[in-house]
Amino acid sequence: MRNPLKLRKNRSYDYTPRYYKGEGNPYKIEHKLDKFRTTAHSTKGLKNKFTSAMDDLQTEGDKNLKLRFWIIVAVLLLLFLFIIDFDLSIFVNP
């Protein structure tokens, strides 16, 4: 009869895949570009998350990307104003 207060230990197997030739863990799933991403590595703690966010803000991005983003925002805003039938003539002095 088993002791109800004692937990059973999990069995561990020493298994290596048949066709695996290499180093490291073959079961670890990692994307090729994870080492270049700042968001892929989990930083624990509030201070580390804050410092990584500040580092991301300080890095300079692509200027064409910023311009393209603002053009898309402007077009979507004008499209929204056209859909709701907003009168833009109130901004022009007669």
N, C-alpha and C. Protein backbone atom coordinates (compact mmCIF):
# COMPACT_ATOMS: atom_id res chain seq x y z
N MET A 1 0.82 -1.18 0.00
CA MET A 1 0.00 0.00 0.00
C MET A 1 0.87 1.26 0.00
N ARG A 2 0.45 2.24 -0.77
CA ARG A 2 1.26 3.45 -0.91
C ARG A 2 0.98 4.44 0.20
N ASN A 3 1.97 5.27 0.47
CA ASN A 3 1.82 6.32 1.46
C ASN A 3 1.09 7.50 0.81
N PRO A 4 -0.09 7.94 1.29
CA PRO A 4 -0.82 9.03 0.64
C PRO A 4 -0.17 10.39 0.81
N LEU A 5 0.75 10.54 1.74
CA LEU A 5 1.40 11.83 1.94
C LEU A 5 2.65 12.01 1.08
N LYS A 6 3.15 10.92 0.55
CA LYS A 6 4.36 10.98 -0.26
C LYS A 6 3.98 11.06 -1.74
N LEU A 7 4.53 12.05 -2.44
CA LEU A 7 4.23 12.21 -3.86
C LEU A 7 5.08 11.27 -4.70
N ARG A 8 4.51 10.82 -5.77
CA ARG A 8 5.21 9.93 -6.68
C ARG A 8 6.14 10.74 -7.58
N LYS A 9 7.35 10.29 -7.79
CA LYS A 9 8.31 10.97 -8.65
C LYS A 9 8.04 10.61 -10.10
N ASN A 10 8.24 11.58 -10.97
CA ASN A 10 8.09 11.33 -12.39
C ASN A 10 9.28 10.53 -12.91
N ARG A 11 9.01 9.67 -13.86
CA ARG A 11 10.08 8.90 -14.48
C ARG A 11 10.81 9.78 -15.49
N SER A 12 12.10 9.60 -15.58
CA SER A 12 12.87 10.34 -16.57
C SER A 12 13.56 9.34 -17.49
N TYR A 13 13.53 9.63 -18.76
CA TYR A 13 14.11 8.75 -19.76
C TYR A 13 15.26 9.47 -20.44
N ASP A 14 16.31 8.73 -20.72
CA ASP A 14 17.44 9.28 -21.44
C ASP A 14 17.30 8.88 -22.91
N TYR A 15 16.59 9.72 -23.65
CA TYR A 15 16.27 9.40 -25.04
C TYR A 15 16.92 10.40 -25.96
N THR A 16 17.59 9.91 -26.97
CA THR A 16 18.12 10.79 -28.01
C THR A 16 17.49 10.38 -29.32
N PRO A 17 17.07 11.34 -30.14
CA PRO A 17 16.45 11.00 -31.41
C PRO A 17 17.40 10.22 -32.31
N ARG A 18 16.85 9.39 -33.17
CA ARG A 18 17.63 8.49 -33.99
C ARG A 18 18.53 9.23 -34.98
N TYR A 19 18.00 10.25 -35.63
CA TYR A 19 18.75 10.92 -36.70
C TYR A 19 19.30 12.28 -36.27
N TYR A 20 19.40 12.54 -34.99
CA TYR A 20 19.91 13.83 -34.52
C TYR A 20 21.41 13.79 -34.44
N LYS A 21 22.03 14.70 -35.17
CA LYS A 21 23.48 14.85 -35.12
C LYS A 21 23.77 16.33 -34.89
N GLY A 22 24.16 16.67 -33.73
CA GLY A 22 24.45 18.05 -33.43
C GLY A 22 24.60 18.28 -31.95
N GLU A 23 24.67 19.56 -31.60
CA GLU A 23 24.85 19.93 -30.21
C GLU A 23 23.59 20.63 -29.71
N GLY A 24 23.44 20.64 -28.43
CA GLY A 24 22.31 21.34 -27.83
C GLY A 24 21.09 20.46 -27.72
N ASN A 25 20.01 21.06 -27.33
CA ASN A 25 18.76 20.35 -27.12
C ASN A 25 17.99 20.28 -28.44
N PRO A 26 17.68 19.09 -28.94
CA PRO A 26 16.96 19.01 -30.22
C PRO A 26 15.48 19.38 -30.09
N TYR A 27 14.98 19.46 -28.86
CA TYR A 27 13.56 19.76 -28.66
C TYR A 27 13.29 21.24 -28.44
N LYS A 28 14.34 22.03 -28.33
CA LYS A 28 14.17 23.46 -28.11
C LYS A 28 13.76 24.12 -29.43
N ILE A 29 12.62 24.77 -29.41
CA ILE A 29 12.11 25.42 -30.61
C ILE A 29 12.50 26.89 -30.55
N GLU A 30 13.29 27.31 -31.50
CA GLU A 30 13.76 28.68 -31.54
C GLU A 30 13.80 29.14 -32.98
N HIS A 31 13.34 30.34 -33.21
CA HIS A 31 13.35 30.90 -34.55
C HIS A 31 14.76 31.34 -34.91
N LYS A 32 15.05 31.37 -36.19
CA LYS A 32 16.39 31.73 -36.64
C LYS A 32 16.76 33.16 -36.27
N LEU A 33 15.77 34.05 -36.24
CA LEU A 33 16.05 35.46 -36.01
C LEU A 33 15.83 35.90 -34.58
N ASP A 34 15.61 34.98 -33.66
CA ASP A 34 15.36 35.35 -32.27
C ASP A 34 16.54 36.07 -31.64
N LYS A 35 17.75 35.75 -32.06
CA LYS A 35 18.91 36.39 -31.45
C LYS A 35 19.04 37.86 -31.85
N PHE A 36 18.34 38.28 -32.91
CA PHE A 36 18.38 39.68 -33.34
C PHE A 36 17.21 40.49 -32.80
N ARG A 37 16.21 39.85 -32.21
CA ARG A 37 15.02 40.55 -31.73
C ARG A 37 15.21 40.95 -30.27
N THR A 38 14.75 42.15 -29.96
CA THR A 38 14.83 42.59 -28.57
C THR A 38 13.65 42.09 -27.76
N THR A 39 12.54 41.77 -28.42
CA THR A 39 11.35 41.34 -27.69
C THR A 39 11.31 39.83 -27.48
N ALA A 40 12.19 39.08 -28.11
CA ALA A 40 12.14 37.63 -28.00
C ALA A 40 12.67 37.13 -26.67
N HIS A 41 13.58 37.87 -26.08
CA HIS A 41 14.16 37.43 -24.82
C HIS A 41 13.33 38.00 -23.68
N SER A 42 12.85 37.12 -22.84
CA SER A 42 12.00 37.58 -21.74
C SER A 42 12.87 38.18 -20.65
N THR A 43 12.57 39.40 -20.29
CA THR A 43 13.26 40.05 -19.19
C THR A 43 12.34 40.05 -18.00
N LYS A 44 12.83 39.55 -16.91
CA LYS A 44 12.00 39.47 -15.72
C LYS A 44 12.23 40.69 -14.86
N GLY A 45 11.19 41.11 -14.23
CA GLY A 45 11.29 42.24 -13.32
C GLY A 45 10.86 43.53 -14.01
N LEU A 46 10.32 44.42 -13.22
CA LEU A 46 9.82 45.69 -13.75
C LEU A 46 10.94 46.59 -14.22
N LYS A 47 12.06 46.60 -13.49
CA LYS A 47 13.18 47.46 -13.86
C LYS A 47 13.78 47.04 -15.20
N ASN A 48 13.95 45.72 -15.40
CA ASN A 48 14.52 45.24 -16.66
C ASN A 48 13.60 45.52 -17.84
N LYS A 49 12.29 45.39 -17.64
CA LYS A 49 11.35 45.69 -18.70
C LYS A 49 11.38 47.17 -19.04
N PHE A 50 11.49 48.02 -18.02
CA PHE A 50 11.54 49.46 -18.24
C PHE A 50 12.81 49.86 -18.98
N THR A 51 13.95 49.29 -18.58
CA THR A 51 15.20 49.64 -19.25
C THR A 51 15.22 49.15 -20.70
N SER A 52 14.64 47.98 -20.96
CA SER A 52 14.61 47.50 -22.35
C SER A 52 13.67 48.37 -23.19
N ALA A 53 12.57 48.85 -22.59
CA ALA A 53 11.68 49.75 -23.32
C ALA A 53 12.36 51.08 -23.61
N MET A 54 13.13 51.59 -22.69
CA MET A 54 13.86 52.85 -22.92
C MET A 54 14.94 52.67 -23.98
N ASP A 55 15.59 51.51 -23.99
CA ASP A 55 16.59 51.24 -25.02
C ASP A 55 15.95 51.18 -26.40
N ASP A 56 14.75 50.59 -26.49
CA ASP A 56 14.04 50.53 -27.76
C ASP A 56 13.63 51.92 -28.23
N LEU A 57 13.28 52.80 -27.31
CA LEU A 57 12.90 54.16 -27.70
C LEU A 57 14.10 54.95 -28.20
N GLN A 58 15.27 54.69 -27.64
CA GLN A 58 16.44 55.47 -28.00
C GLN A 58 17.06 55.03 -29.33
N THR A 59 16.78 53.82 -29.77
CA THR A 59 17.32 53.39 -31.04
C THR A 59 16.57 54.08 -32.17
N GLU A 60 17.29 54.54 -33.12
CA GLU A 60 16.71 55.28 -34.25
C GLU A 60 16.16 54.29 -35.27
N GLY A 61 14.93 54.50 -35.69
CA GLY A 61 14.30 53.62 -36.66
C GLY A 61 14.50 54.12 -38.09
N ASP A 62 13.85 53.47 -39.00
CA ASP A 62 13.92 53.83 -40.40
C ASP A 62 13.07 55.07 -40.64
N LYS A 63 13.65 56.12 -41.22
CA LYS A 63 12.92 57.37 -41.42
C LYS A 63 11.83 57.22 -42.48
N ASN A 64 12.06 56.39 -43.49
CA ASN A 64 11.03 56.15 -44.50
C ASN A 64 9.83 55.44 -43.89
N LEU A 65 10.07 54.59 -42.93
CA LEU A 65 8.99 53.89 -42.25
C LEU A 65 8.12 54.86 -41.47
N LYS A 66 8.76 55.81 -40.80
CA LYS A 66 8.00 56.82 -40.04
C LYS A 66 7.16 57.68 -40.97
N LEU A 67 7.73 58.10 -42.09
CA LEU A 67 7.00 58.92 -43.05
C LEU A 67 5.83 58.13 -43.63
N ARG A 68 6.05 56.90 -44.00
CA ARG A 68 5.00 56.05 -44.54
C ARG A 68 3.89 55.84 -43.52
N PHE A 69 4.26 55.68 -42.25
CA PHE A 69 3.27 55.51 -41.19
C PHE A 69 2.37 56.75 -41.08
N TRP A 70 2.96 57.93 -41.09
CA TRP A 70 2.15 59.15 -40.95
C TRP A 70 1.30 59.40 -42.18
N ILE A 71 1.76 59.04 -43.36
CA ILE A 71 0.94 59.18 -44.57
C ILE A 71 -0.26 58.25 -44.49
N ILE A 72 -0.05 57.02 -44.05
CA ILE A 72 -1.16 56.07 -43.92
C ILE A 72 -2.16 56.54 -42.88
N VAL A 73 -1.68 57.09 -41.77
CA VAL A 73 -2.58 57.61 -40.73
C VAL A 73 -3.40 58.77 -41.28
N ALA A 74 -2.77 59.66 -42.04
CA ALA A 74 -3.49 60.80 -42.60
C ALA A 74 -4.55 60.36 -43.61
N VAL A 75 -4.21 59.40 -44.46
CA VAL A 75 -5.18 58.91 -45.44
C VAL A 75 -6.36 58.23 -44.75
N LEU A 76 -6.08 57.43 -43.74
CA LEU A 76 -7.16 56.77 -43.00
C LEU A 76 -8.03 57.77 -42.25
N LEU A 77 -7.42 58.82 -41.73
CA LEU A 77 -8.19 59.86 -41.04
C LEU A 77 -9.09 60.61 -42.02
N LEU A 78 -8.55 60.96 -43.18
CA LEU A 78 -9.38 61.64 -44.19
C LEU A 78 -10.49 60.73 -44.70
N LEU A 79 -10.20 59.46 -44.86
CA LEU A 79 -11.23 58.50 -45.26
C LEU A 79 -12.32 58.38 -44.21
N PHE A 80 -11.94 58.35 -42.94
CA PHE A 80 -12.92 58.29 -41.86
C PHE A 80 -13.79 59.55 -41.85
N LEU A 81 -13.15 60.71 -42.01
CA LEU A 81 -13.92 61.96 -42.03
C LEU A 81 -14.86 62.01 -43.23
N PHE A 82 -14.45 61.44 -44.36
CA PHE A 82 -15.32 61.40 -45.53
C PHE A 82 -16.51 60.47 -45.30
N ILE A 83 -16.27 59.35 -44.62
CA ILE A 83 -17.34 58.39 -44.36
C ILE A 83 -18.40 58.99 -43.43
N ILE A 84 -17.96 59.71 -42.40
CA ILE A 84 -18.93 60.28 -41.47
C ILE A 84 -19.48 61.61 -41.98
N ASP A 85 -19.09 61.99 -43.19
CA ASP A 85 -19.59 63.20 -43.85
C ASP A 85 -19.26 64.46 -43.03
N PHE A 86 -17.99 64.55 -42.64
CA PHE A 86 -17.52 65.71 -41.89
C PHE A 86 -17.22 66.84 -42.86
N ASP A 87 -17.66 68.03 -42.52
CA ASP A 87 -17.48 69.19 -43.39
C ASP A 87 -16.14 69.84 -43.07
N LEU A 88 -15.16 69.74 -43.99
CA LEU A 88 -13.84 70.31 -43.77
C LEU A 88 -13.80 71.81 -44.05
N SER A 89 -14.87 72.38 -44.57
CA SER A 89 -14.87 73.80 -44.88
C SER A 89 -14.93 74.68 -43.63
N ILE A 90 -15.16 74.10 -42.47
CA ILE A 90 -15.18 74.94 -41.27
C ILE A 90 -13.78 75.41 -40.88
N PHE A 91 -12.74 74.77 -41.43
CA PHE A 91 -11.37 75.17 -41.12
C PHE A 91 -10.86 76.25 -42.07
N VAL A 92 -11.61 76.58 -43.11
CA VAL A 92 -11.19 77.58 -44.09
C VAL A 92 -11.96 78.87 -43.83
N ASN A 93 -11.25 80.00 -43.75
CA ASN A 93 -11.91 81.28 -43.55
C ASN A 93 -12.49 81.78 -44.87
N PRO A 94 -13.78 82.19 -44.90
CA PRO A 94 -14.36 82.68 -46.17
C PRO A 94 -13.93 84.09 -46.50
